[in-house]
C-alpha atoms as a PDB file:
ATOM      1  CA  MET A   1     -49.014 -25.745  53.659  1.00  0.00           C
ATOM      2  CA  LYS A   2     -46.571 -22.603  53.585  1.00  0.00           C
ATOM      3  CA  LYS A   3     -43.633 -24.729  53.045  1.00  0.00           C
ATOM      4  CA  LEU A   4     -45.008 -26.743  49.998  1.00  0.00           C
ATOM      5  CA  ILE A   5     -45.750 -23.320  48.693  1.00  0.00           C
ATOM      6  CA  ILE A   6     -42.278 -22.394  49.338  1.00  0.00           C
ATOM      7  CA  ALA A   7     -40.618 -25.366  47.838  1.00  0.00           C
ATOM      8  CA  ALA A   8     -42.577 -24.827  44.910  1.00  0.00           C
ATOM      9  CA  PHE A   9     -41.427 -21.254  44.130  1.00  0.00           C
ATOM     10  CA  ILE A  10     -37.907 -22.359  44.736  1.00  0.00           C
ATOM     11  CA  ALA A  11     -38.088 -24.979  42.182  1.00  0.00           C
ATOM     12  CA  SER A  12     -39.606 -22.658  39.865  1.00  0.00           C
ATOM     13  CA  PHE A  13     -36.928 -19.981  40.548  1.00  0.00           C
ATOM     14  CA  PHE A  14     -34.126 -22.223  39.972  1.00  0.00           C
ATOM     15  CA  LEU A  15     -35.812 -23.373  36.737  1.00  0.00           C
ATOM     16  CA  THR A  16     -36.211 -19.841  35.144  1.00  0.00           C
ATOM     17  CA  ILE A  17     -32.577 -19.667  36.196  1.00  0.00           C
ATOM     18  CA  SER A  18     -31.181 -22.797  34.236  1.00  0.00           C
ATOM     19  CA  ALA A  19     -33.231 -21.786  31.333  1.00  0.00           C
ATOM     20  CA  MET A  20     -31.786 -18.258  31.220  1.00  0.00           C
ATOM     21  CA  GLY A  21     -28.081 -19.688  31.603  1.00  0.00           C
ATOM     22  CA  GLN A  22     -28.610 -21.414  28.202  1.00  0.00           C
ATOM     23  CA  VAL A  23     -27.613 -19.869  24.957  1.00  0.00           C
ATOM     24  CA  GLN A  24     -30.564 -18.775  22.855  1.00  0.00           C
ATOM     25  CA  PRO A  25     -30.523 -19.577  19.037  1.00  0.00           C
ATOM     26  CA  GLY A  26     -29.640 -16.178  17.226  1.00  0.00           C
ATOM     27  CA  LEU A  27     -27.630 -14.776  20.233  1.00  0.00           C
ATOM     28  CA  VAL A  28     -24.391 -16.803  18.972  1.00  0.00           C
ATOM     29  CA  ALA A  29     -24.496 -15.291  15.498  1.00  0.00           C
ATOM     30  CA  ASN A  30     -24.266 -11.681  16.874  1.00  0.00           C
ATOM     31  CA  ASN A  31     -21.704 -12.268  19.427  1.00  0.00           C
ATOM     32  CA  HIS A  32     -18.506 -11.514  17.797  1.00  0.00           C
ATOM     33  CA  ALA A  33     -16.421 -11.442  20.767  1.00  0.00           C
ATOM     34  CA  GLY A  34     -17.172 -15.123  21.240  1.00  0.00           C
ATOM     35  CA  VAL A  35     -16.502 -16.599  17.385  1.00  0.00           C
ATOM     36  CA  THR A  36     -12.957 -17.932  16.954  1.00  0.00           C
ATOM     37  CA  LYS A  37     -10.810 -19.823  13.914  1.00  0.00           C
ATOM     38  CA  GLU A  38     -11.421 -22.787  17.235  1.00  0.00           C
ATOM     39  CA  GLY A  39     -15.009 -22.770  17.250  1.00  0.00           C
ATOM     40  CA  ILE A  40     -18.190 -20.889  19.079  1.00  0.00           C
ATOM     41  CA  THR A  41     -17.629 -19.882  22.696  1.00  0.00           C
ATOM     42  CA  SER A  42     -20.911 -18.769  24.977  1.00  0.00           C
ATOM     43  CA  THR A  43     -21.235 -16.000  26.687  1.00  0.00           C
ATOM     44  CA  ALA A  44     -22.584 -15.043  29.863  1.00  0.00           C
ATOM     45  CA  ASP A  45     -24.742 -11.874  30.505  1.00  0.00           C
ATOM     46  CA  SER A  46     -25.151 -11.111  34.076  1.00  0.00           C
ATOM     47  CA  SER A  47     -28.349  -8.738  32.937  1.00  0.00           C
ATOM     48  CA  ARG A  48     -30.061 -12.000  32.700  1.00  0.00           C
ATOM     49  CA  THR A  49     -29.564 -13.226  35.851  1.00  0.00           C
ATOM     50  CA  PRO A  50     -32.514 -12.020  38.149  1.00  0.00           C
ATOM     51  CA  SER A  51     -31.767  -9.352  40.516  1.00  0.00           C
ATOM     52  CA  ALA A  52     -32.743  -8.416  43.900  1.00  0.00           C
ATOM     53  CA  ALA A  53     -34.778  -5.523  42.682  1.00  0.00           C
ATOM     54  CA  LEU A  54     -36.514  -8.300  40.439  1.00  0.00           C
ATOM     55  CA  THR A  55     -37.290 -10.792  42.920  1.00  0.00           C
ATOM     56  CA  SER A  56     -38.534  -8.063  45.489  1.00  0.00           C
ATOM     57  CA  GLN A  57     -41.095  -7.012  42.780  1.00  0.00           C
ATOM     58  CA  LEU A  58     -42.232 -10.411  42.186  1.00  0.00           C
ATOM     59  CA  ALA A  59     -42.041 -11.651  45.736  1.00  0.00           C
ATOM     60  CA  PRO A  60     -45.518  -9.656  46.966  1.00  0.00           C
ATOM     61  CA  GLN A  61     -47.548 -11.019  43.663  1.00  0.00           C
ATOM     62  CA  ILE A  62     -46.926 -14.619  45.269  1.00  0.00           C
ATOM     63  CA  TRP A  63     -46.769 -14.188  48.752  1.00  0.00           C
ATOM     64  CA  GLY A  64     -48.640 -11.219  50.025  1.00  0.00           C
ATOM     65  CA  SER A  65     -46.828  -8.549  52.262  1.00  0.00           C
ATOM     66  CA  ALA A  66     -46.216 -10.296  55.573  1.00  0.00           C
ATOM     67  CA  PRO A  67     -43.083 -12.361  54.803  1.00  0.00           C
ATOM     68  CA  LEU A  68     -41.975 -10.236  52.090  1.00  0.00           C
ATOM     69  CA  ALA A  69     -38.416  -8.720  53.593  1.00  0.00           C
ATOM     70  CA  SER A  70     -37.455 -12.443  54.821  1.00  0.00           C
ATOM     71  CA  LEU A  71     -38.254 -14.403  52.049  1.00  0.00           C
ATOM     72  CA  ALA A  72     -36.768 -11.572  49.588  1.00  0.00           C
ATOM     73  CA  GLN A  73     -33.530 -11.928  51.502  1.00  0.00           C
ATOM     74  CA  ASP A  74     -33.712 -15.674  51.179  1.00  0.00           C
ATOM     75  CA  ILE A  75     -34.402 -15.714  47.439  1.00  0.00           C
ATOM     76  CA  GLU A  76     -31.463 -12.905  46.941  1.00  0.00           C
ATOM     77  CA  GLN A  77     -28.772 -15.259  48.638  1.00  0.00           C
ATOM     78  CA  MET A  78     -30.070 -18.113  46.759  1.00  0.00           C
ATOM     79  CA  ARG A  79     -29.452 -16.271  43.746  1.00  0.00           C
ATOM     80  CA  ALA A  80     -26.243 -15.491  44.756  1.00  0.00           C
ATOM     81  CA  ASN A  81     -25.207 -19.000  45.507  1.00  0.00           C
ATOM     82  CA  PHE A  82     -26.520 -20.247  42.387  1.00  0.00           C
ATOM     83  CA  ALA A  83     -24.772 -17.489  40.122  1.00  0.00           C
ATOM     84  CA  ASN A  84     -20.808 -18.679  41.538  1.00  0.00           C
ATOM     85  CA  THR A  85     -21.551 -22.140  40.558  1.00  0.00           C
ATOM     86  CA  ASN A  86     -20.240 -23.932  37.140  1.00  0.00           C
ATOM     87  CA  MET A  87     -23.686 -23.914  36.183  1.00  0.00           C
ATOM     88  CA  LEU A  88     -23.761 -20.715  34.464  1.00  0.00           C
ATOM     89  CA  PRO A  89     -21.615 -20.174  31.171  1.00  0.00           C
ATOM     90  CA  ARG A  90     -18.230 -18.289  31.967  1.00  0.00           C
ATOM     91  CA  LYS A  91     -17.982 -15.228  29.921  1.00  0.00           C
ATOM     92  CA  ALA A  92     -15.591 -15.861  26.801  1.00  0.00           C
ATOM     93  CA  SER A  93     -12.774 -13.319  25.765  1.00  0.00           C
ATOM     94  CA  THR A  94     -13.780 -10.069  24.739  1.00  0.00           C
ATOM     95  CA  MET A  95     -10.766  -9.543  22.259  1.00  0.00           C
ATOM     96  CA  PRO A  96     -11.983  -8.822  18.911  1.00  0.00           C
ATOM     97  CA  VAL A  97     -11.515 -11.521  16.257  1.00  0.00           C
ATOM     98  CA  SER A  98      -9.684  -9.008  13.813  1.00  0.00           C
ATOM     99  CA  GLU A  99      -7.511  -8.118  16.686  1.00  0.00           C
ATOM    100  CA  ALA A 100      -6.718 -11.935  17.656  1.00  0.00           C
ATOM    101  CA  LEU A 101      -5.809 -12.421  13.894  1.00  0.00           C
ATOM    102  CA  THR A 102      -2.785  -9.828  14.636  1.00  0.00           C
ATOM    103  CA  GLN A 103      -1.317 -12.175  17.344  1.00  0.00           C
ATOM    104  CA  THR A 104      -1.636 -15.562  15.316  1.00  0.00           C
ATOM    105  CA  TYR A 105      -0.425 -17.515  12.676  1.00  0.00           C
ATOM    106  CA  ARG A 106      -1.572 -20.361  11.028  1.00  0.00           C
ATOM    107  CA  VAL A 107       1.199 -22.607   9.278  1.00  0.00           C
ATOM    108  CA  GLY A 108       0.622 -23.104   5.508  1.00  0.00           C
ATOM    109  CA  VAL A 109       2.155 -24.555   2.227  1.00  0.00           C
ATOM    110  CA  GLY A 110       5.581 -23.155   1.785  1.00  0.00           C
ATOM    111  CA  ASP A 111       6.504 -22.505   5.108  1.00  0.00           C
ATOM    112  CA  ILE A 112       9.674 -23.635   6.573  1.00  0.00           C
ATOM    113  CA  LEU A 113       9.574 -24.940   9.854  1.00  0.00           C
ATOM    114  CA  ASP A 114      12.027 -25.226  12.863  1.00  0.00           C
ATOM    115  CA  ILE A 115      11.517 -27.934  14.608  1.00  0.00           C
ATOM    116  CA  GLN A 116      13.454 -28.967  17.818  1.00  0.00           C
ATOM    117  CA  LEU A 117      13.698 -31.506  19.866  1.00  0.00           C
ATOM    118  CA  PRO A 118      15.914 -32.121  23.330  1.00  0.00           C
ATOM    119  CA  PRO A 119      19.770 -31.952  22.762  1.00  0.00           C
ATOM    120  CA  GLY A 120      21.171 -34.985  21.455  1.00  0.00           C
ATOM    121  CA  LEU A 121      17.708 -36.347  19.869  1.00  0.00           C
ATOM    122  CA  SER A 122      17.510 -33.753  16.952  1.00  0.00           C
ATOM    123  CA  ALA A 123      18.691 -34.853  13.428  1.00  0.00           C
ATOM    124  CA  THR A 124      21.052 -32.826  11.556  1.00  0.00           C
ATOM    125  CA  SER A 125      18.583 -30.493   9.969  1.00  0.00           C
ATOM    126  CA  THR A 126      15.828 -29.042  12.171  1.00  0.00           C
ATOM    127  CA  LEU A 127      14.052 -27.375   9.146  1.00  0.00           C
ATOM    128  CA  TYR A 128      11.249 -28.744   7.244  1.00  0.00           C
ATOM    129  CA  THR A 129       9.133 -27.051   4.533  1.00  0.00           C
ATOM    130  CA  VAL A 130       5.403 -27.578   4.850  1.00  0.00           C
ATOM    131  CA  LEU A 131       4.459 -29.876   1.276  1.00  0.00           C
ATOM    132  CA  GLU A 132       1.508 -29.397  -1.007  1.00  0.00           C
ATOM    133  CA  GLY A 133      -1.585 -30.240   0.633  1.00  0.00           C
ATOM    134  CA  GLY A 134      -0.153 -29.087   4.309  1.00  0.00           C
ATOM    135  CA  ILE A 135       1.806 -32.339   5.125  1.00  0.00           C
ATOM    136  CA  LEU A 136       4.787 -32.420   7.182  1.00  0.00           C
ATOM    137  CA  ASP A 137       7.191 -34.846   6.226  1.00  0.00           C
ATOM    138  CA  TYR A 138       9.020 -35.432   9.782  1.00  0.00           C
ATOM    139  CA  PRO A 139      11.172 -38.437  10.063  1.00  0.00           C
ATOM    140  CA  LEU A 140      10.250 -39.418  13.512  1.00  0.00           C
ATOM    141  CA  ALA A 141       6.607 -39.472  13.038  1.00  0.00           C
ATOM    142  CA  PRO A 142       5.267 -42.940  11.717  1.00  0.00           C
ATOM    143  CA  LYS A 143       3.800 -40.620   8.960  1.00  0.00           C
ATOM    144  CA  PRO A 144       3.402 -37.631   7.106  1.00  0.00           C
ATOM    145  CA  LEU A 145       1.053 -34.961   9.314  1.00  0.00           C
ATOM    146  CA  PRO A 146      -1.452 -32.888   7.843  1.00  0.00           C
ATOM    147  CA  ILE A 147      -0.461 -29.401   9.807  1.00  0.00           C
ATOM    148  CA  ALA A 148      -1.801 -26.800   7.400  1.00  0.00           C
ATOM    149  CA  GLY A 149      -3.772 -24.104   9.052  1.00  0.00           C
ATOM    150  CA  LEU A 150      -2.486 -25.040  12.798  1.00  0.00           C
ATOM    151  CA  THR A 151       0.076 -22.686  15.471  1.00  0.00           C
ATOM    152  CA  THR A 152       3.208 -23.721  15.929  1.00  0.00           C
ATOM    153  CA  GLU A 153       2.022 -24.475  19.271  1.00  0.00           C
ATOM    154  CA  ALA A 154      -0.667 -27.422  18.013  1.00  0.00           C
ATOM    155  CA  ILE A 155       2.061 -28.656  15.715  1.00  0.00           C
ATOM    156  CA  ALA A 156       4.474 -29.364  18.709  1.00  0.00           C
ATOM    157  CA  ALA A 157       1.287 -30.885  20.733  1.00  0.00           C
ATOM    158  CA  ARG A 158       0.558 -32.810  17.281  1.00  0.00           C
ATOM    159  CA  LEU A 159       4.392 -33.979  17.191  1.00  0.00           C
ATOM    160  CA  ARG A 160       4.521 -34.908  20.584  1.00  0.00           C
ATOM    161  CA  THR A 161       1.982 -37.411  20.708  1.00  0.00           C
ATOM    162  CA  SER A 162       2.725 -38.758  17.022  1.00  0.00           C
ATOM    163  CA  ILE A 163       6.553 -39.451  17.479  1.00  0.00           C
ATOM    164  CA  LYS A 164       6.390 -42.972  18.967  1.00  0.00           C
ATOM    165  CA  VAL A 165      10.290 -43.851  19.778  1.00  0.00           C
ATOM    166  CA  LEU A 166      10.501 -41.189  22.559  1.00  0.00           C
ATOM    167  CA  ASP A 167       8.375 -40.532  25.630  1.00  0.00           C
ATOM    168  CA  ASN A 168       6.286 -37.779  25.569  1.00  0.00           C
ATOM    169  CA  PRO A 169       9.329 -35.585  24.036  1.00  0.00           C
ATOM    170  CA  SER A 170       9.742 -31.848  24.691  1.00  0.00           C
ATOM    171  CA  VAL A 171       8.774 -30.339  20.883  1.00  0.00           C
ATOM    172  CA  SER A 172       9.920 -26.606  20.014  1.00  0.00           C
ATOM    173  CA  VAL A 173       8.145 -25.298  16.586  1.00  0.00           C
ATOM    174  CA  LYS A 174       9.180 -21.835  15.022  1.00  0.00           C
ATOM    175  CA  VAL A 175       8.412 -20.548  11.328  1.00  0.00           C
ATOM    176  CA  ARG A 176      11.951 -20.048   9.992  1.00  0.00           C
ATOM    177  CA  ASP A 177      10.663 -18.274   6.680  1.00  0.00           C
ATOM    178  CA  TYR A 178       7.087 -17.297   5.735  1.00  0.00           C
ATOM    179  CA  ALA A 179       5.962 -18.090   2.517  1.00  0.00           C
ATOM    180  CA  SER A 180       2.392 -18.892   2.578  1.00  0.00           C
ATOM    181  CA  HIS A 181       0.980 -15.714   3.016  1.00  0.00           C
ATOM    182  CA  ALA A 182       1.398 -13.151   1.192  1.00  0.00           C
ATOM    183  CA  VAL A 183      -0.186  -9.906  -0.482  1.00  0.00           C
ATOM    184  CA  LYS A 184       0.174  -8.158  -3.903  1.00  0.00           C
ATOM    185  CA  VAL A 185       1.284  -4.610  -4.030  1.00  0.00           C
ATOM    186  CA  ILE A 186       1.468  -2.521  -7.162  1.00  0.00           C
ATOM    187  CA  GLY A 187       1.103   1.056  -8.573  1.00  0.00           C
ATOM    188  CA  PHE A 188       3.174   3.574  -7.402  1.00  0.00           C
ATOM    189  CA  VAL A 189       5.712   2.318  -5.188  1.00  0.00           C
ATOM    190  CA  SER A 190       9.634   1.691  -5.339  1.00  0.00           C
ATOM    191  CA  VAL A 191       9.365  -1.891  -4.506  1.00  0.00           C
ATOM    192  CA  PRO A 192       6.126  -3.557  -5.800  1.00  0.00           C
ATOM    193  CA  GLY A 193       5.268  -7.073  -5.796  1.00  0.00           C
ATOM    194  CA  ALA A 194       4.274 -10.041  -3.085  1.00  0.00           C
ATOM    195  CA  LYS A 195       4.802  -9.426   0.644  1.00  0.00           C
ATOM    196  CA  GLN A 196       4.857 -11.873   2.733  1.00  0.00           C
ATOM    197  CA  LEU A 197       2.514 -11.983   6.108  1.00  0.00           C
ATOM    198  CA  ARG A 198       3.821 -13.044   9.697  1.00  0.00           C
ATOM    199  CA  ARG A 199       0.299 -12.701  10.925  1.00  0.00           C
ATOM    200  CA  GLU A 200      -2.996 -13.812  10.048  1.00  0.00           C
ATOM    201  CA  ALA A 201      -3.546 -10.034   9.566  1.00  0.00           C
ATOM    202  CA  VAL A 202      -1.365  -7.021   9.706  1.00  0.00           C
ATOM    203  CA  PRO A 203      -2.164  -3.221   9.465  1.00  0.00           C
ATOM    204  CA  LEU A 204      -2.224  -1.949   5.975  1.00  0.00           C
ATOM    205  CA  TYR A 205       0.468   0.657   7.001  1.00  0.00           C
ATOM    206  CA  VAL A 206       3.057  -2.477   7.634  1.00  0.00           C
ATOM    207  CA  VAL A 207       2.766  -3.550   3.929  1.00  0.00           C
ATOM    208  CA  LEU A 208       3.203  -0.095   2.683  1.00  0.00           C
ATOM    209  CA  SER A 209       6.027   0.639   4.835  1.00  0.00           C
ATOM    210  CA  GLU A 210       8.015  -2.270   2.944  1.00  0.00           C
ATOM    211  CA  ALA A 211       6.606  -1.255  -0.374  1.00  0.00           C
ATOM    212  CA  MET A 212       7.844   1.966   0.236  1.00  0.00           C
ATOM    213  CA  PRO A 213       4.868   4.467  -2.088  1.00  0.00           C
ATOM    214  CA  MET A 214       6.334   7.029  -3.943  1.00  0.00           C
ATOM    215  CA  PRO A 215       6.098  11.011  -2.735  1.00  0.00           C
ATOM    216  CA  ASP A 216       3.704  11.907  -5.197  1.00  0.00           C
ATOM    217  CA  ALA A 217       1.157   8.968  -4.184  1.00  0.00           C
ATOM    218  CA  THR A 218      -1.924   9.927  -2.613  1.00  0.00           C
ATOM    219  CA  SER A 219      -4.334   7.159  -2.074  1.00  0.00           C
ATOM    220  CA  ALA A 220      -4.415   3.214  -2.174  1.00  0.00           C
ATOM    221  CA  THR A 221      -7.187   0.723  -3.208  1.00  0.00           C
ATOM    222  CA  LEU A 222      -7.606  -2.437  -1.099  1.00  0.00           C
ATOM    223  CA  ILE A 223      -8.775  -5.225  -3.461  1.00  0.00           C
ATOM    224  CA  ARG A 224     -10.301  -8.429  -1.682  1.00  0.00           C
ATOM    225  CA  VAL A 225     -12.410 -11.275  -3.278  1.00  0.00           C
ATOM    226  CA  GLY A 226     -15.586 -11.103  -2.294  1.00  0.00           C
ATOM    227  CA  ARG A 227     -16.151  -7.718  -1.333  1.00  0.00           C
ATOM    228  CA  SER A 228     -16.215  -4.186  -3.057  1.00  0.00           C
ATOM    229  CA  ALA A 229     -12.593  -2.197  -3.665  1.00  0.00           C
ATOM    230  CA  GLU A 230     -12.044  -0.065  -0.935  1.00  0.00           C
ATOM    231  CA  VAL A 231     -10.115   3.558  -1.230  1.00  0.00           C
ATOM    232  CA  VAL A 232      -7.774   4.430   1.502  1.00  0.00           C
ATOM    233  CA  ASP A 233      -6.391   7.744   1.610  1.00  0.00           C
ATOM    234  CA  LEU A 234      -2.692   7.646   2.849  1.00  0.00           C
ATOM    235  CA  ARG A 235      -2.774  10.778   4.646  1.00  0.00           C
ATOM    236  CA  ASP A 236      -6.010   9.118   7.159  1.00  0.00           C
ATOM    237  CA  SER A 237      -3.701   7.365  10.046  1.00  0.00           C
ATOM    238  CA  GLY A 238      -6.468   5.734  10.988  1.00  0.00           C
ATOM    239  CA  ALA A 239      -7.676   4.156   7.619  1.00  0.00           C
ATOM    240  CA  LEU A 240      -3.952   2.891   7.271  1.00  0.00           C
ATOM    241  CA  SER A 241      -4.692   0.881  10.681  1.00  0.00           C
ATOM    242  CA  GLN A 242      -7.272  -1.368   9.263  1.00  0.00           C
ATOM    243  CA  LEU A 243      -6.010  -5.031   8.714  1.00  0.00           C
ATOM    244  CA  VAL A 244      -5.422  -6.714   5.148  1.00  0.00           C
ATOM    245  CA  VAL A 245      -4.725 -10.605   5.051  1.00  0.00           C
ATOM    246  CA  ALA A 246      -3.613 -13.169   2.665  1.00  0.00           C
ATOM    247  CA  GLY A 247      -4.418 -12.803  -1.102  1.00  0.00           C
ATOM    248  CA  ASP A 248      -5.110  -8.948  -0.657  1.00  0.00           C
ATOM    249  CA  VAL A 249      -3.983  -6.663  -3.359  1.00  0.00           C
ATOM    250  CA  ILE A 250      -2.803  -3.292  -3.121  1.00  0.00           C
ATOM    251  CA  LYS A 251      -3.406  -1.074  -5.460  1.00  0.00           C
ATOM    252  CA  VAL A 252      -1.178   2.463  -4.757  1.00  0.00           C
ATOM    253  CA  SER A 253      -2.074   5.436  -6.678  1.00  0.00           C
ATOM    254  CA  VAL A 254      -1.747   9.190  -7.795  1.00  0.00           C
ATOM    255  CA  SER A 255      -4.420  11.724  -7.326  1.00  0.00           C
ATOM    256  CA  PRO A 256      -5.100  12.872 -11.277  1.00  0.00           C
ATOM    257  CA  MET A 257      -3.949  16.509 -11.557  1.00  0.00           C
ATOM    258  CA  GLU A 258      -6.820  19.223 -12.280  1.00  0.00           C
ATOM    259  CA  PRO A 259      -6.060  21.464 -15.018  1.00  0.00           C
ATOM    260  CA  THR A 260      -5.655  24.816 -13.916  1.00  0.00           C
ATOM    261  CA  GLY A 261      -5.639  26.294 -17.393  1.00  0.00           C
ATOM    262  CA  PHE A 262      -5.231  25.422 -21.096  1.00  0.00           C
ATOM    263  CA  PHE A 263      -2.875  26.407 -23.845  1.00  0.00           C
ATOM    264  CA  PHE A 264      -2.456  26.272 -27.370  1.00  0.00           C
ATOM    265  CA  THR A 265      -0.637  24.489 -30.216  1.00  0.00           C
ATOM    266  CA  GLY A 266      -0.276  24.997 -33.870  1.00  0.00           C
ATOM    267  CA  GLY A 267       2.057  24.654 -36.650  1.00  0.00           C
ATOM    268  CA  GLU A 268       3.786  21.792 -37.544  1.00  0.00           C
ATOM    269  CA  ILE A 269       2.389  19.623 -34.847  1.00  0.00           C
ATOM    270  CA  ASN A 270       0.656  16.321 -34.901  1.00  0.00           C
ATOM    271  CA  SER A 271      -2.112  17.499 -32.595  1.00  0.00           C
ATOM    272  CA  PRO A 272      -2.716  20.924 -32.689  1.00  0.00           C
ATOM    273  CA  GLY A 273      -5.630  22.840 -30.670  1.00  0.00           C
ATOM    274  CA  GLN A 274      -6.220  23.591 -26.797  1.00  0.00           C
ATOM    275  CA  LYS A 275      -4.799  21.111 -24.419  1.00  0.00           C
ATOM    276  CA  PRO A 276      -5.189  21.302 -20.718  1.00  0.00           C
ATOM    277  CA  TYR A 277      -2.587  22.772 -18.512  1.00  0.00           C
ATOM    278  CA  HIS A 278      -0.653  22.113 -15.254  1.00  0.00           C
ATOM    279  CA  ALA A 279       1.651  23.868 -13.008  1.00  0.00           C
ATOM    280  CA  GLY A 280       5.161  23.418 -13.873  1.00  0.00           C
ATOM    281  CA  LEU A 281       4.741  22.427 -17.576  1.00  0.00           C
ATOM    282  CA  THR A 282       7.608  22.927 -20.011  1.00  0.00           C
ATOM    283  CA  LEU A 283       7.559  23.402 -23.502  1.00  0.00           C
ATOM    284  CA  THR A 284       8.962  20.147 -24.593  1.00  0.00           C
ATOM    285  CA  GLN A 285       6.399  18.557 -22.583  1.00  0.00           C
ATOM    286  CA  ALA A 286       3.419  20.814 -24.252  1.00  0.00           C
ATOM    287  CA  ILE A 287       4.765  19.614 -27.639  1.00  0.00           C
ATOM    288  CA  LEU A 288       4.810  15.866 -26.606  1.00  0.00           C
ATOM    289  CA  ALA A 289       1.137  16.356 -25.050  1.00  0.00           C
ATOM    290  CA  SER A 290      -0.033  17.643 -28.253  1.00  0.00           C
ATOM    291  CA  GLY A 291       1.450  14.235 -30.155  1.00  0.00           C
ATOM    292  CA  GLY A 292       4.872  15.862 -30.921  1.00  0.00           C
ATOM    293  CA  ALA A 293       6.384  17.744 -33.918  1.00  0.00           C
ATOM    294  CA  SER A 294       5.584  16.339 -37.295  1.00  0.00           C
ATOM    295  CA  SER A 295       8.285  15.339 -40.198  1.00  0.00           C
ATOM    296  CA  ALA A 296       7.936  18.725 -41.765  1.00  0.00           C
ATOM    297  CA  ALA A 297       8.870  20.544 -38.528  1.00  0.00           C
ATOM    298  CA  GLY A 298      12.094  22.320 -38.046  1.00  0.00           C
ATOM    299  CA  ASN A 299      13.894  23.536 -34.887  1.00  0.00           C
ATOM    300  CA  GLN A 300      12.175  26.609 -34.644  1.00  0.00           C
ATOM    301  CA  VAL A 301       9.583  27.236 -32.005  1.00  0.00           C
ATOM    302  CA  ARG A 302       7.604  30.617 -31.029  1.00  0.00           C
ATOM    303  CA  VAL A 303       6.164  30.999 -27.623  1.00  0.00           C
ATOM    304  CA  SER A 304       3.717  33.663 -27.418  1.00  0.00           C
ATOM    305  CA  ARG A 305       2.365  34.881 -24.301  1.00  0.00           C
ATOM    306  CA  GLN A 306      -0.321  37.797 -23.577  1.00  0.00           C
ATOM    307  CA  GLY A 307       1.156  40.708 -21.671  1.00  0.00           C
ATOM    308  CA  SER A 308      -0.706  43.070 -18.834  1.00  0.00           C
ATOM    309  CA  ASP A 309      -1.482  45.534 -21.411  1.00  0.00           C
ATOM    310  CA  GLY A 310      -3.290  42.706 -23.527  1.00  0.00           C
ATOM    311  CA  ARG A 311      -0.446  42.592 -26.386  1.00  0.00           C
ATOM    312  CA  LEU A 312       1.224  39.188 -27.275  1.00  0.00           C
ATOM    313  CA  VAL A 313       5.153  39.027 -26.368  1.00  0.00           C
ATOM    314  CA  SER A 314       6.666  36.204 -28.332  1.00  0.00           C
ATOM    315  CA  ALA A 315      10.379  34.369 -27.900  1.00  0.00           C
ATOM    316  CA  VAL A 316      11.807  32.098 -30.510  1.00  0.00           C
ATOM    317  CA  TYR A 317      13.546  28.714 -28.835  1.00  0.00           C
ATOM    318  CA  ASN A 318      15.451  26.183 -30.581  1.00  0.00           C
ATOM    319  CA  LEU A 319      13.900  22.602 -30.014  1.00  0.00           C
ATOM    320  CA  ARG A 320      17.616  21.374 -30.629  1.00  0.00           C
ATOM    321  CA  ASP A 321      19.581  23.636 -28.329  1.00  0.00           C
ATOM    322  CA  ILE A 322      16.832  22.484 -25.797  1.00  0.00           C
ATOM    323  CA  GLN A 323      17.099  18.645 -26.235  1.00  0.00           C
ATOM    324  CA  SER A 324      21.027  18.879 -26.252  1.00  0.00           C
ATOM    325  CA  GLY A 325      21.274  20.940 -22.924  1.00  0.00           C
ATOM    326  CA  LYS A 326      22.308  24.301 -24.079  1.00  0.00           C
ATOM    327  CA  ILE A 327      19.680  26.058 -22.917  1.00  0.00           C
ATOM    328  CA  GLN A 328      16.922  25.382 -20.606  1.00  0.00           C
ATOM    329  CA  ASP A 329      13.630  23.865 -21.211  1.00  0.00           C
ATOM    330  CA  PRO A 330      11.136  26.936 -20.463  1.00  0.00           C
ATOM    331  CA  THR A 331       8.228  26.652 -18.472  1.00  0.00           C
ATOM    332  CA  LEU A 332       5.108  27.764 -19.595  1.00  0.00           C
ATOM    333  CA  GLN A 333       2.082  29.636 -18.214  1.00  0.00           C
ATOM    334  CA  ALA A 334      -1.779  28.846 -18.520  1.00  0.00           C
ATOM    335  CA  GLY A 335      -2.739  30.666 -22.153  1.00  0.00           C
ATOM    336  CA  ASP A 336       0.457  30.293 -23.760  1.00  0.00           C
ATOM    337  CA  ARG A 337       0.106  29.744 -27.742  1.00  0.00           C
ATOM    338  CA  ILE A 338       3.107  27.514 -29.272  1.00  0.00           C
ATOM    339  CA  GLU A 339       3.866  27.244 -32.533  1.00  0.00           C
ATOM    340  CA  VAL A 340       6.110  24.874 -34.525  1.00  0.00           C
ATOM    341  CA  ALA A 341       7.725  26.422 -37.284  1.00  0.00           C
ATOM    342  CA  ARG A 342       8.184  24.441 -40.732  1.00  0.00           C
ATOM    343  CA  ASP A 343      11.654  22.986 -41.496  1.00  0.00           C
ATOM    344  CA  LYS A 344      13.181  25.345 -44.081  1.00  0.00           C
END
């Protein structure tokens, strides 16, 4: 009778472990480490396999106290033997999907491939462009091959099985020119326009280094279809490490300067009044910011500035001399008054 009970318990134990080894619905959706472009892989969680402590707790409830020590050891040994077999799912790679994208390139339309066969078997040209529809028209293949979305290793494997005139030839495929993966950079950069990616994803700073942001650039806005735009501080090295993918648009901007005061314009000027002042503002810049001089304006401009005693101190400048370079364009201060005289 005791042997029958032991056999029944062992059978129940194996069924429990087998159930635990199955991938539960809902677990796959949260298992980002097991999701790749090639498909979904299951993962084994060792915490779901019964431990010696668990069997020691369960055994007294079934068997009583007499055979507990030896039985718990036997069950633990069986558990260890079972866990070492191929019946349990193997643990998938823990590499994050984003990191895998930086090490992978999937060929697309416009890419130029360098396809090499063993010496003496290659055609005169070894360069082939991926055509519209993601098709490779290779002379030794009986028909055009769809290859868009494949890695160079996968393309080489497909060519080996497609080339019938040779017996399992050695094929090497490399990307010679990258054209299918591009991001667009606009704004305050020295080299705007499309930037080709050589991986499925690259860090933002790689693209910006090619675009060369201007010295006064302070931020980059990452625009991607299907998600909200994200503003990145160019001084934040951590944020610059985030990945960009094909189709992204990167807009480099400068921070708007906050006014540190005001200046005042009047006389023969198109838009007189109070204007925001910024450090480094010059006289001609202030006139242009006020709409420019009117058609009735002359060349004389009076700049008045309040002294430490509260009195105004004035200086007269000739716009023609400033514009011709005879005298310097004077730098203004917050609170200055500018009056453009009428032409005599």
